[in-house]
Amino acid sequence: MTPEQIQRLKEMTLWLIQNPAIEESFCGECFAPQGEEILEILQRLKERGYDELLMLFIMRCQVTYEGQRALERFCAAQLFDSALRSGAEPLLHDFESLLSDEINRTKQRR
């Protein structure tokens, strides 16, 4: 890591520690924020410019009802946009590759 990357990681980590409710949303096992709380956290991360944490938080939100539905709609829109730009075949290839990898990972864990 570069010194700048280390400094940024330090800044984000300290900020999370100073904001335990947000830290819990990343690390807690009992993560269950409601829609408004999800929006608030997204806005606070956006205001800080913590794009890296935004991506992680968006994926973490899939365990909530609102987050799951929003992520499904977001992914569907992105898939259709991508299919219009490059066709469905590359998308299908990428998905099949990822699915195959996940199947293999599941088999290895058993």
PDB file of N, CA and C in Angstrom:
ATOM      1  N   MET A   1       0.831  -1.177   0.000  1.00  0.00           N
ATOM      2  CA  MET A   1       0.000   0.000   0.000  1.00  0.00           C
ATOM      3  C   MET A   1       0.884   1.252   0.000  1.00  0.00           C
ATOM      4  N   THR A   2       0.398   2.242  -0.667  1.00  0.00           N
ATOM      5  CA  THR A   2       1.121   3.509  -0.677  1.00  0.00           C
ATOM      6  C   THR A   2       0.859   4.254   0.635  1.00  0.00           C
ATOM      7  N   PRO A   3       1.715   5.213   0.973  1.00  0.00           N
ATOM      8  CA  PRO A   3       1.457   6.007   2.180  1.00  0.00           C
ATOM      9  C   PRO A   3       0.093   6.709   2.149  1.00  0.00           C
ATOM     10  N   GLU A   4      -0.332   7.145   0.966  1.00  0.00           N
ATOM     11  CA  GLU A   4      -1.632   7.800   0.837  1.00  0.00           C
ATOM     12  C   GLU A   4      -2.769   6.822   1.124  1.00  0.00           C
ATOM     13  N   GLN A   5      -2.634   5.605   0.627  1.00  0.00           N
ATOM     14  CA  GLN A   5      -3.660   4.589   0.870  1.00  0.00           C
ATOM     15  C   GLN A   5      -3.722   4.219   2.349  1.00  0.00           C
ATOM     16  N   ILE A   6      -2.566   4.119   2.979  1.00  0.00           N
ATOM     17  CA  ILE A   6      -2.522   3.805   4.407  1.00  0.00           C
ATOM     18  C   ILE A   6      -3.169   4.935   5.209  1.00  0.00           C
ATOM     19  N   GLN A   7      -2.877   6.185   4.844  1.00  0.00           N
ATOM     20  CA  GLN A   7      -3.469   7.329   5.533  1.00  0.00           C
ATOM     21  C   GLN A   7      -4.989   7.336   5.363  1.00  0.00           C
ATOM     22  N   ARG A   8      -5.450   7.029   4.155  1.00  0.00           N
ATOM     23  CA  ARG A   8      -6.897   7.000   3.903  1.00  0.00           C
ATOM     24  C   ARG A   8      -7.562   5.888   4.710  1.00  0.00           C
ATOM     25  N   LEU A   9      -6.956   4.721   4.747  1.00  0.00           N
ATOM     26  CA  LEU A   9      -7.492   3.608   5.534  1.00  0.00           C
ATOM     27  C   LEU A   9      -7.546   3.980   7.009  1.00  0.00           C
ATOM     28  N   LYS A  10      -6.494   4.627   7.499  1.00  0.00           N
ATOM     29  CA  LYS A  10      -6.461   5.080   8.893  1.00  0.00           C
ATOM     30  C   LYS A  10      -7.605   6.056   9.157  1.00  0.00           C
ATOM     31  N   GLU A  11      -7.792   7.019   8.258  1.00  0.00           N
ATOM     32  CA  GLU A  11      -8.856   8.019   8.404  1.00  0.00           C
ATOM     33  C   GLU A  11     -10.231   7.353   8.450  1.00  0.00           C
ATOM     34  N   MET A  12     -10.481   6.437   7.527  1.00  0.00           N
ATOM     35  CA  MET A  12     -11.783   5.757   7.501  1.00  0.00           C
ATOM     36  C   MET A  12     -11.986   4.911   8.750  1.00  0.00           C
ATOM     37  N   THR A  13     -10.953   4.222   9.190  1.00  0.00           N
ATOM     38  CA  THR A  13     -11.052   3.367  10.373  1.00  0.00           C
ATOM     39  C   THR A  13     -11.356   4.189  11.612  1.00  0.00           C
ATOM     40  N   LEU A  14     -10.616   5.276  11.801  1.00  0.00           N
ATOM     41  CA  LEU A  14     -10.861   6.139  12.961  1.00  0.00           C
ATOM     42  C   LEU A  14     -12.264   6.736  12.909  1.00  0.00           C
ATOM     43  N   TRP A  15     -12.714   7.133  11.734  1.00  0.00           N
ATOM     44  CA  TRP A  15     -14.055   7.685  11.603  1.00  0.00           C
ATOM     45  C   TRP A  15     -15.103   6.638  11.985  1.00  0.00           C
ATOM     46  N   LEU A  16     -14.913   5.400  11.529  1.00  0.00           N
ATOM     47  CA  LEU A  16     -15.848   4.331  11.896  1.00  0.00           C
ATOM     48  C   LEU A  16     -15.865   4.113  13.409  1.00  0.00           C
ATOM     49  N   ILE A  17     -14.701   4.129  14.035  1.00  0.00           N
ATOM     50  CA  ILE A  17     -14.622   3.930  15.481  1.00  0.00           C
ATOM     51  C   ILE A  17     -15.349   5.060  16.209  1.00  0.00           C
ATOM     52  N   GLN A  18     -15.261   6.260  15.670  1.00  0.00           N
ATOM     53  CA  GLN A  18     -15.924   7.415  16.290  1.00  0.00           C
ATOM     54  C   GLN A  18     -17.428   7.435  16.013  1.00  0.00           C
ATOM     55  N   ASN A  19     -17.887   6.592  15.108  1.00  0.00           N
ATOM     56  CA  ASN A  19     -19.303   6.490  14.755  1.00  0.00           C
ATOM     57  C   ASN A  19     -19.749   5.040  14.916  1.00  0.00           C
ATOM     58  N   PRO A  20     -19.931   4.609  16.162  1.00  0.00           N
ATOM     59  CA  PRO A  20     -20.193   3.186  16.417  1.00  0.00           C
ATOM     60  C   PRO A  20     -21.442   2.633  15.735  1.00  0.00           C
ATOM     61  N   ALA A  21     -22.459   3.446  15.536  1.00  0.00           N
ATOM     62  CA  ALA A  21     -23.653   2.932  14.857  1.00  0.00           C
ATOM     63  C   ALA A  21     -23.348   2.564  13.413  1.00  0.00           C
ATOM     64  N   ILE A  22     -22.520   3.365  12.779  1.00  0.00           N
ATOM     65  CA  ILE A  22     -22.134   3.066  11.397  1.00  0.00           C
ATOM     66  C   ILE A  22     -21.159   1.894  11.375  1.00  0.00           C
ATOM     67  N   GLU A  23     -20.235   1.867  12.321  1.00  0.00           N
ATOM     68  CA  GLU A  23     -19.304   0.741  12.409  1.00  0.00           C
ATOM     69  C   GLU A  23     -20.076  -0.565  12.571  1.00  0.00           C
ATOM     70  N   GLU A  24     -21.118  -0.548  13.392  1.00  0.00           N
ATOM     71  CA  GLU A  24     -21.952  -1.730  13.601  1.00  0.00           C
ATOM     72  C   GLU A  24     -22.585  -2.189  12.289  1.00  0.00           C
ATOM     73  N   SER A  25     -22.926  -1.228  11.427  1.00  0.00           N
ATOM     74  CA  SER A  25     -23.552  -1.590  10.152  1.00  0.00           C
ATOM     75  C   SER A  25     -22.590  -2.337   9.237  1.00  0.00           C
ATOM     76  N   PHE A  26     -21.298  -2.194   9.479  1.00  0.00           N
ATOM     77  CA  PHE A  26     -20.309  -2.923   8.681  1.00  0.00           C
ATOM     78  C   PHE A  26     -19.872  -4.215   9.355  1.00  0.00           C
ATOM     79  N   CYS A  27     -19.805  -4.208  10.656  1.00  0.00           N
ATOM     80  CA  CYS A  27     -19.172  -5.313  11.376  1.00  0.00           C
ATOM     81  C   CYS A  27     -20.105  -6.147  12.237  1.00  0.00           C
ATOM     82  N   GLY A  28     -21.264  -5.615  12.554  1.00  0.00           N
ATOM     83  CA  GLY A  28     -22.143  -6.303  13.490  1.00  0.00           C
ATOM     84  C   GLY A  28     -22.872  -7.484  12.887  1.00  0.00           C
ATOM     85  N   GLU A  29     -23.043  -8.508  13.691  1.00  0.00           N
ATOM     86  CA  GLU A  29     -23.782  -9.683  13.240  1.00  0.00           C
ATOM     87  C   GLU A  29     -25.281  -9.433  13.208  1.00  0.00           C
ATOM     88  N   CYS A  30     -25.741  -8.518  14.027  1.00  0.00           N
ATOM     89  CA  CYS A  30     -27.175  -8.225  14.123  1.00  0.00           C
ATOM     90  C   CYS A  30     -27.544  -7.007  13.279  1.00  0.00           C
ATOM     91  N   PHE A  31     -26.950  -6.876  12.138  1.00  0.00           N
ATOM     92  CA  PHE A  31     -27.186  -5.738  11.250  1.00  0.00           C
ATOM     93  C   PHE A  31     -28.608  -5.807  10.717  1.00  0.00           C
ATOM     94  N   ALA A  32     -29.422  -4.832  11.087  1.00  0.00           N
ATOM     95  CA  ALA A  32     -30.798  -4.810  10.603  1.00  0.00           C
ATOM     96  C   ALA A  32     -31.346  -3.381  10.561  1.00  0.00           C
ATOM     97  N   PRO A  33     -30.661  -2.462   9.877  1.00  0.00           N
ATOM     98  CA  PRO A  33     -31.198  -1.100   9.813  1.00  0.00           C
ATOM     99  C   PRO A  33     -32.441  -1.062   8.937  1.00  0.00           C
ATOM    100  N   GLN A  34     -33.255  -0.073   9.180  1.00  0.00           N
ATOM    101  CA  GLN A  34     -34.452   0.140   8.375  1.00  0.00           C
ATOM    102  C   GLN A  34     -34.106   1.103   7.244  1.00  0.00           C
ATOM    103  N   GLY A  35     -35.028   1.262   6.297  1.00  0.00           N
ATOM    104  CA  GLY A  35     -34.791   2.055   5.098  1.00  0.00           C
ATOM    105  C   GLY A  35     -34.221   3.430   5.339  1.00  0.00           C
ATOM    106  N   GLU A  36     -34.823   4.197   6.241  1.00  0.00           N
ATOM    107  CA  GLU A  36     -34.355   5.563   6.501  1.00  0.00           C
ATOM    108  C   GLU A  36     -32.947   5.562   7.074  1.00  0.00           C
ATOM    109  N   GLU A  37     -32.660   4.602   7.929  1.00  0.00           N
ATOM    110  CA  GLU A  37     -31.327   4.503   8.522  1.00  0.00           C
ATOM    111  C   GLU A  37     -30.282   4.156   7.456  1.00  0.00           C
ATOM    112  N   ILE A  38     -30.641   3.297   6.523  1.00  0.00           N
ATOM    113  CA  ILE A  38     -29.743   2.954   5.420  1.00  0.00           C
ATOM    114  C   ILE A  38     -29.424   4.207   4.606  1.00  0.00           C
ATOM    115  N   LEU A  39     -30.460   4.976   4.286  1.00  0.00           N
ATOM    116  CA  LEU A  39     -30.245   6.212   3.524  1.00  0.00           C
ATOM    117  C   LEU A  39     -29.342   7.182   4.275  1.00  0.00           C
ATOM    118  N   GLU A  40     -29.544   7.308   5.565  1.00  0.00           N
ATOM    119  CA  GLU A  40     -28.722   8.215   6.368  1.00  0.00           C
ATOM    120  C   GLU A  40     -27.251   7.805   6.336  1.00  0.00           C
ATOM    121  N   ILE A  41     -27.002   6.516   6.502  1.00  0.00           N
ATOM    122  CA  ILE A  41     -25.621   6.027   6.479  1.00  0.00           C
ATOM    123  C   ILE A  41     -25.007   6.245   5.090  1.00  0.00           C
ATOM    124  N   LEU A  42     -25.766   5.935   4.043  1.00  0.00           N
ATOM    125  CA  LEU A  42     -25.261   6.171   2.680  1.00  0.00           C
ATOM    126  C   LEU A  42     -24.894   7.633   2.478  1.00  0.00           C
ATOM    127  N   GLN A  43     -25.739   8.524   2.951  1.00  0.00           N
ATOM    128  CA  GLN A  43     -25.482   9.955   2.781  1.00  0.00           C
ATOM    129  C   GLN A  43     -24.254  10.397   3.571  1.00  0.00           C
ATOM    130  N   ARG A  44     -24.086   9.870   4.768  1.00  0.00           N
ATOM    131  CA  ARG A  44     -22.905  10.244   5.567  1.00  0.00           C
ATOM    132  C   ARG A  44     -21.626   9.741   4.929  1.00  0.00           C
ATOM    133  N   LEU A  45     -21.642   8.531   4.385  1.00  0.00           N
ATOM    134  CA  LEU A  45     -20.459   8.005   3.696  1.00  0.00           C
ATOM    135  C   LEU A  45     -20.161   8.828   2.450  1.00  0.00           C
ATOM    136  N   LYS A  46     -21.212   9.182   1.722  1.00  0.00           N
ATOM    137  CA  LYS A  46     -21.053   9.984   0.510  1.00  0.00           C
ATOM    138  C   LYS A  46     -20.463  11.353   0.847  1.00  0.00           C
ATOM    139  N   GLU A  47     -20.971  11.990   1.898  1.00  0.00           N
ATOM    140  CA  GLU A  47     -20.461  13.300   2.314  1.00  0.00           C
ATOM    141  C   GLU A  47     -18.981  13.248   2.647  1.00  0.00           C
ATOM    142  N   ARG A  48     -18.541  12.161   3.243  1.00  0.00           N
ATOM    143  CA  ARG A  48     -17.129  12.003   3.613  1.00  0.00           C
ATOM    144  C   ARG A  48     -16.270  11.614   2.413  1.00  0.00           C
ATOM    145  N   GLY A  49     -16.904  11.209   1.318  1.00  0.00           N
ATOM    146  CA  GLY A  49     -16.150  10.777   0.146  1.00  0.00           C
ATOM    147  C   GLY A  49     -15.577   9.381   0.289  1.00  0.00           C
ATOM    148  N   TYR A  50     -16.178   8.576   1.150  1.00  0.00           N
ATOM    149  CA  TYR A  50     -15.693   7.226   1.401  1.00  0.00           C
ATOM    150  C   TYR A  50     -16.324   6.248   0.417  1.00  0.00           C
ATOM    151  N   ASP A  51     -15.945   6.376  -0.850  1.00  0.00           N
ATOM    152  CA  ASP A  51     -16.509   5.522  -1.894  1.00  0.00           C
ATOM    153  C   ASP A  51     -16.242   4.051  -1.642  1.00  0.00           C
ATOM    154  N   GLU A  52     -15.078   3.743  -1.097  1.00  0.00           N
ATOM    155  CA  GLU A  52     -14.745   2.344  -0.818  1.00  0.00           C
ATOM    156  C   GLU A  52     -15.739   1.749   0.181  1.00  0.00           C
ATOM    157  N   LEU A  53     -16.044   2.512   1.225  1.00  0.00           N
ATOM    158  CA  LEU A  53     -16.996   2.036   2.221  1.00  0.00           C
ATOM    159  C   LEU A  53     -18.417   2.021   1.674  1.00  0.00           C
ATOM    160  N   LEU A  54     -18.721   2.952   0.783  1.00  0.00           N
ATOM    161  CA  LEU A  54     -20.045   2.960   0.154  1.00  0.00           C
ATOM    162  C   LEU A  54     -20.312   1.647  -0.563  1.00  0.00           C
ATOM    163  N   MET A  55     -19.342   1.169  -1.325  1.00  0.00           N
ATOM    164  CA  MET A  55     -19.518  -0.084  -2.068  1.00  0.00           C
ATOM    165  C   MET A  55     -19.747  -1.248  -1.108  1.00  0.00           C
ATOM    166  N   LEU A  56     -18.972  -1.296  -0.038  1.00  0.00           N
ATOM    167  CA  LEU A  56     -19.150  -2.364   0.946  1.00  0.00           C
ATOM    168  C   LEU A  56     -20.511  -2.271   1.621  1.00  0.00           C
ATOM    169  N   PHE A  57     -20.913  -1.057   1.971  1.00  0.00           N
ATOM    170  CA  PHE A  57     -22.189  -0.878   2.654  1.00  0.00           C
ATOM    171  C   PHE A  57     -23.355  -1.265   1.760  1.00  0.00           C
ATOM    172  N   ILE A  58     -23.281  -0.905   0.491  1.00  0.00           N
ATOM    173  CA  ILE A  58     -24.348  -1.282  -0.439  1.00  0.00           C
ATOM    174  C   ILE A  58     -24.502  -2.804  -0.475  1.00  0.00           C
ATOM    175  N   MET A  59     -23.396  -3.513  -0.539  1.00  0.00           N
ATOM    176  CA  MET A  59     -23.479  -4.978  -0.551  1.00  0.00           C
ATOM    177  C   MET A  59     -23.996  -5.511   0.783  1.00  0.00           C
ATOM    178  N   ARG A  60     -23.629  -4.877   1.871  1.00  0.00           N
ATOM    179  CA  ARG A  60     -24.076  -5.298   3.197  1.00  0.00           C
ATOM    180  C   ARG A  60     -25.588  -5.091   3.349  1.00  0.00           C
ATOM    181  N   CYS A  61     -26.125  -4.095   2.661  1.00  0.00           N
ATOM    182  CA  CYS A  61     -27.552  -3.771   2.765  1.00  0.00           C
ATOM    183  C   CYS A  61     -28.452  -4.857   2.200  1.00  0.00           C
ATOM    184  N   GLN A  62     -27.907  -5.786   1.466  1.00  0.00           N
ATOM    185  CA  GLN A  62     -28.753  -6.811   0.863  1.00  0.00           C
ATOM    186  C   GLN A  62     -29.402  -7.710   1.907  1.00  0.00           C
ATOM    187  N   VAL A  63     -28.978  -7.631   3.157  1.00  0.00           N
ATOM    188  CA  VAL A  63     -29.602  -8.451   4.195  1.00  0.00           C
ATOM    189  C   VAL A  63     -30.868  -7.814   4.748  1.00  0.00           C
ATOM    190  N   THR A  64     -31.163  -6.579   4.350  1.00  0.00           N
ATOM    191  CA  THR A  64     -32.403  -5.927   4.774  1.00  0.00           C
ATOM    192  C   THR A  64     -33.394  -5.983   3.620  1.00  0.00           C
ATOM    193  N   TYR A  65     -34.672  -5.932   3.945  1.00  0.00           N
ATOM    194  CA  TYR A  65     -35.698  -6.025   2.903  1.00  0.00           C
ATOM    195  C   TYR A  65     -35.563  -4.892   1.889  1.00  0.00           C
ATOM    196  N   GLU A  66     -35.521  -3.653   2.388  1.00  0.00           N
ATOM    197  CA  GLU A  66     -35.435  -2.514   1.475  1.00  0.00           C
ATOM    198  C   GLU A  66     -34.139  -2.541   0.681  1.00  0.00           C
ATOM    199  N   GLY A  67     -33.055  -2.886   1.363  1.00  0.00           N
ATOM    200  CA  GLY A  67     -31.760  -2.953   0.699  1.00  0.00           C
ATOM    201  C   GLY A  67     -31.728  -4.014  -0.387  1.00  0.00           C
ATOM    202  N   GLN A  68     -32.298  -5.164  -0.090  1.00  0.00           N
ATOM    203  CA  GLN A  68     -32.339  -6.250  -1.069  1.00  0.00           C
ATOM    204  C   GLN A  68     -33.142  -5.838  -2.301  1.00  0.00           C
ATOM    205  N   ARG A  69     -34.313  -5.263  -2.069  1.00  0.00           N
ATOM    206  CA  ARG A  69     -35.155  -4.850  -3.199  1.00  0.00           C
ATOM    207  C   ARG A  69     -34.473  -3.757  -4.023  1.00  0.00           C
ATOM    208  N   ALA A  70     -33.854  -2.791  -3.357  1.00  0.00           N
ATOM    209  CA  ALA A  70     -33.165  -1.716  -4.074  1.00  0.00           C
ATOM    210  C   ALA A  70     -31.986  -2.271  -4.868  1.00  0.00           C
ATOM    211  N   LEU A  71     -31.249  -3.197  -4.274  1.00  0.00           N
ATOM    212  CA  LEU A  71     -30.108  -3.790  -4.966  1.00  0.00           C
ATOM    213  C   LEU A  71     -30.557  -4.620  -6.164  1.00  0.00           C
ATOM    214  N   GLU A  72     -31.659  -5.348  -6.033  1.00  0.00           N
ATOM    215  CA  GLU A  72     -32.203  -6.103  -7.163  1.00  0.00           C
ATOM    216  C   GLU A  72     -32.568  -5.173  -8.313  1.00  0.00           C
ATOM    217  N   ARG A  73     -33.257  -4.087  -7.993  1.00  0.00           N
ATOM    218  CA  ARG A  73     -33.651  -3.128  -9.034  1.00  0.00           C
ATOM    219  C   ARG A  73     -32.434  -2.462  -9.660  1.00  0.00           C
ATOM    220  N   PHE A  74     -31.449  -2.118  -8.827  1.00  0.00           N
ATOM    221  CA  PHE A  74     -30.225  -1.500  -9.320  1.00  0.00           C
ATOM    222  C   PHE A  74     -29.483  -2.445 -10.260  1.00  0.00           C
ATOM    223  N   CYS A  75     -29.318  -3.694  -9.837  1.00  0.00           N
ATOM    224  CA  CYS A  75     -28.606  -4.677 -10.658  1.00  0.00           C
ATOM    225  C   CYS A  75     -29.342  -4.940 -11.965  1.00  0.00           C
ATOM    226  N   ALA A  76     -30.651  -5.037 -11.913  1.00  0.00           N
ATOM    227  CA  ALA A  76     -31.424  -5.262 -13.134  1.00  0.00           C
ATOM    228  C   ALA A  76     -31.214  -4.116 -14.118  1.00  0.00           C
ATOM    229  N   ALA A  77     -31.275  -2.890 -13.620  1.00  0.00           N
ATOM    230  CA  ALA A  77     -31.067  -1.727 -14.500  1.00  0.00           C
ATOM    231  C   ALA A  77     -29.668  -1.740 -15.096  1.00  0.00           C
ATOM    232  N   GLN A  78     -28.661  -2.067 -14.275  1.00  0.00           N
ATOM    233  CA  GLN A  78     -27.286  -2.104 -14.760  1.00  0.00           C
ATOM    234  C   GLN A  78     -27.097  -3.218 -15.791  1.00  0.00           C
ATOM    235  N   LEU A  79     -27.728  -4.362 -15.554  1.00  0.00           N
ATOM    236  CA  LEU A  79     -27.644  -5.477 -16.509  1.00  0.00           C
ATOM    237  C   LEU A  79     -28.233  -5.089 -17.866  1.00  0.00           C
ATOM    238  N   PHE A  80     -29.407  -4.471 -17.831  1.00  0.00           N
ATOM    239  CA  PHE A  80     -30.038  -4.075 -19.090  1.00  0.00           C
ATOM    240  C   PHE A  80     -29.219  -3.012 -19.809  1.00  0.00           C
ATOM    241  N   ASP A  81     -28.682  -2.060 -19.074  1.00  0.00           N
ATOM    242  CA  ASP A  81     -27.827  -1.032 -19.692  1.00  0.00           C
ATOM    243  C   ASP A  81     -26.597  -1.667 -20.334  1.00  0.00           C
ATOM    244  N   SER A  82     -25.992  -2.593 -19.611  1.00  0.00           N
ATOM    245  CA  SER A  82     -24.803  -3.263 -20.132  1.00  0.00           C
ATOM    246  C   SER A  82     -25.144  -4.114 -21.359  1.00  0.00           C
ATOM    247  N   ALA A  83     -26.281  -4.781 -21.321  1.00  0.00           N
ATOM    248  CA  ALA A  83     -26.703  -5.610 -22.459  1.00  0.00           C
ATOM    249  C   ALA A  83     -26.948  -4.753 -23.694  1.00  0.00           C
ATOM    250  N   LEU A  84     -27.483  -3.563 -23.499  1.00  0.00           N
ATOM    251  CA  LEU A  84     -27.695  -2.659 -24.633  1.00  0.00           C
ATOM    252  C   LEU A  84     -26.372  -2.203 -25.235  1.00  0.00           C
ATOM    253  N   ARG A  85     -25.372  -2.001 -24.383  1.00  0.00           N
ATOM    254  CA  ARG A  85     -24.060  -1.528 -24.863  1.00  0.00           C
ATOM    255  C   ARG A  85     -23.249  -2.637 -25.531  1.00  0.00           C
ATOM    256  N   SER A  86     -23.207  -3.799 -24.897  1.00  0.00           N
ATOM    257  CA  SER A  86     -22.285  -4.827 -25.402  1.00  0.00           C
ATOM    258  C   SER A  86     -22.941  -6.145 -25.768  1.00  0.00           C
ATOM    259  N   GLY A  87     -24.236  -6.258 -25.603  1.00  0.00           N
ATOM    260  CA  GLY A  87     -24.925  -7.502 -25.911  1.00  0.00           C
ATOM    261  C   GLY A  87     -25.023  -8.395 -24.692  1.00  0.00           C
ATOM    262  N   ALA A  88     -25.907  -9.351 -24.783  1.00  0.00           N
ATOM    263  CA  ALA A  88     -26.161 -10.241 -23.652  1.00  0.00           C
ATOM    264  C   ALA A  88     -25.097 -11.333 -23.512  1.00  0.00           C
ATOM    265  N   GLU A  89     -24.471 -11.714 -24.595  1.00  0.00           N
ATOM    266  CA  GLU A  89     -23.512 -12.831 -24.556  1.00  0.00           C
ATOM    267  C   GLU A  89     -22.366 -12.606 -23.570  1.00  0.00           C
ATOM    268  N   PRO A  90     -21.692 -11.447 -23.570  1.00  0.00           N
ATOM    269  CA  PRO A  90     -20.621 -11.247 -22.584  1.00  0.00           C
ATOM    270  C   PRO A  90     -21.132 -11.284 -21.144  1.00  0.00           C
ATOM    271  N   LEU A  91     -22.343 -10.767 -20.920  1.00  0.00           N
ATOM    272  CA  LEU A  91     -22.921 -10.811 -19.575  1.00  0.00           C
ATOM    273  C   LEU A  91     -23.169 -12.245 -19.142  1.00  0.00           C
ATOM    274  N   LEU A  92     -23.735 -13.035 -20.041  1.00  0.00           N
ATOM    275  CA  LEU A  92     -24.000 -14.429 -19.735  1.00  0.00           C
ATOM    276  C   LEU A  92     -22.695 -15.168 -19.439  1.00  0.00           C
ATOM    277  N   HIS A  93     -21.673 -14.916 -20.217  1.00  0.00           N
ATOM    278  CA  HIS A  93     -20.365 -15.544 -20.003  1.00  0.00           C
ATOM    279  C   HIS A  93     -19.819 -15.186 -18.618  1.00  0.00           C
ATOM    280  N   ASP A  94     -19.859 -13.905 -18.272  1.00  0.00           N
ATOM    281  CA  ASP A  94     -19.354 -13.467 -16.967  1.00  0.00           C
ATOM    282  C   ASP A  94     -20.150 -14.088 -15.833  1.00  0.00           C
ATOM    283  N   PHE A  95     -21.473 -14.119 -15.965  1.00  0.00           N
ATOM    284  CA  PHE A  95     -22.318 -14.688 -14.916  1.00  0.00           C
ATOM    285  C   PHE A  95     -22.055 -16.183 -14.764  1.00  0.00           C
ATOM    286  N   GLU A  96     -21.974 -16.893 -15.889  1.00  0.00           N
ATOM    287  CA  GLU A  96     -21.710 -18.335 -15.824  1.00  0.00           C
ATOM    288  C   GLU A  96     -20.375 -18.606 -15.149  1.00  0.00           C
ATOM    289  N   SER A  97     -19.385 -17.789 -15.431  1.00  0.00           N
ATOM    290  CA  SER A  97     -18.069 -17.944 -14.821  1.00  0.00           C
ATOM    291  C   SER A  97     -18.134 -17.725 -13.311  1.00  0.00           C
ATOM    292  N   LEU A  98     -18.816 -16.679 -12.894  1.00  0.00           N
ATOM    293  CA  LEU A  98     -18.953 -16.406 -11.461  1.00  0.00           C
ATOM    294  C   LEU A  98     -19.768 -17.492 -10.763  1.00  0.00           C
ATOM    295  N   LEU A  99     -20.840 -17.929 -11.390  1.00  0.00           N
ATOM    296  CA  LEU A  99     -21.669 -18.974 -10.809  1.00  0.00           C
ATOM    297  C   LEU A  99     -20.880 -20.267 -10.657  1.00  0.00           C
ATOM    298  N   SER A 100     -20.134 -20.614 -11.667  1.00  0.00           N
ATOM    299  CA  SER A 100     -19.306 -21.817 -11.621  1.00  0.00           C
ATOM    300  C   SER A 100     -18.284 -21.728 -10.481  1.00  0.00           C
ATOM    301  N   ASP A 101     -17.677 -20.566 -10.331  1.00  0.00           N
ATOM    302  CA  ASP A 101     -16.716 -20.347  -9.255  1.00  0.00           C
ATOM    303  C   ASP A 101     -17.385 -20.504  -7.892  1.00  0.00           C
ATOM    304  N   GLU A 102     -18.584 -19.950  -7.729  1.00  0.00           N
ATOM    305  CA  GLU A 102     -19.296 -20.061  -6.453  1.00  0.00           C
ATOM    306  C   GLU A 102     -19.694 -21.509  -6.168  1.00  0.00           C
ATOM    307  N   ILE A 103     -20.089 -22.251  -7.185  1.00  0.00           N
ATOM    308  CA  ILE A 103     -20.424 -23.666  -7.008  1.00  0.00           C
ATOM    309  C   ILE A 103     -19.198 -24.428  -6.518  1.00  0.00           C
ATOM    310  N   ASN A 104     -18.046 -24.167  -7.124  1.00  0.00           N
ATOM    311  CA  ASN A 104     -16.807 -24.827  -6.711  1.00  0.00           C
ATOM    312  C   ASN A 104     -16.418 -24.452  -5.285  1.00  0.00           C
ATOM    313  N   ARG A 105     -16.586 -23.184  -4.922  1.00  0.00           N
ATOM    314  CA  ARG A 105     -16.267 -22.748  -3.561  1.00  0.00           C
ATOM    315  C   ARG A 105     -17.173 -23.447  -2.546  1.00  0.00           C
ATOM    316  N   THR A 106     -18.447 -23.590  -2.889  1.00  0.00           N
ATOM    317  CA  THR A 106     -19.381 -24.269  -2.000  1.00  0.00           C
ATOM    318  C   THR A 106     -18.967 -25.724  -1.805  1.00  0.00           C
ATOM    319  N   LYS A 107     -18.590 -26.378  -2.891  1.00  0.00           N
ATOM    320  CA  LYS A 107     -18.150 -27.774  -2.796  1.00  0.00           C
ATOM    321  C   LYS A 107     -16.915 -27.908  -1.930  1.00  0.00           C
ATOM    322  N   GLN A 108     -15.995 -26.959  -2.020  1.00  0.00           N
ATOM    323  CA  GLN A 108     -14.765 -27.016  -1.224  1.00  0.00           C
ATOM    324  C   GLN A 108     -15.026 -26.823   0.271  1.00  0.00           C
ATOM    325  N   ARG A 109     -16.063 -26.076   0.605  1.00  0.00           N
ATOM    326  CA  ARG A 109     -16.383 -25.837   2.021  1.00  0.00           C
ATOM    327  C   ARG A 109     -17.041 -27.044   2.668  1.00  0.00           C
ATOM    328  N   ARG A 110     -17.585 -27.928   1.888  1.00  0.00           N
ATOM    329  CA  ARG A 110     -18.309 -29.090   2.453  1.00  0.00           C
ATOM    330  C   ARG A 110     -17.387 -30.166   2.866  1.00  0.00           C
TER     331      ARG A 110
END
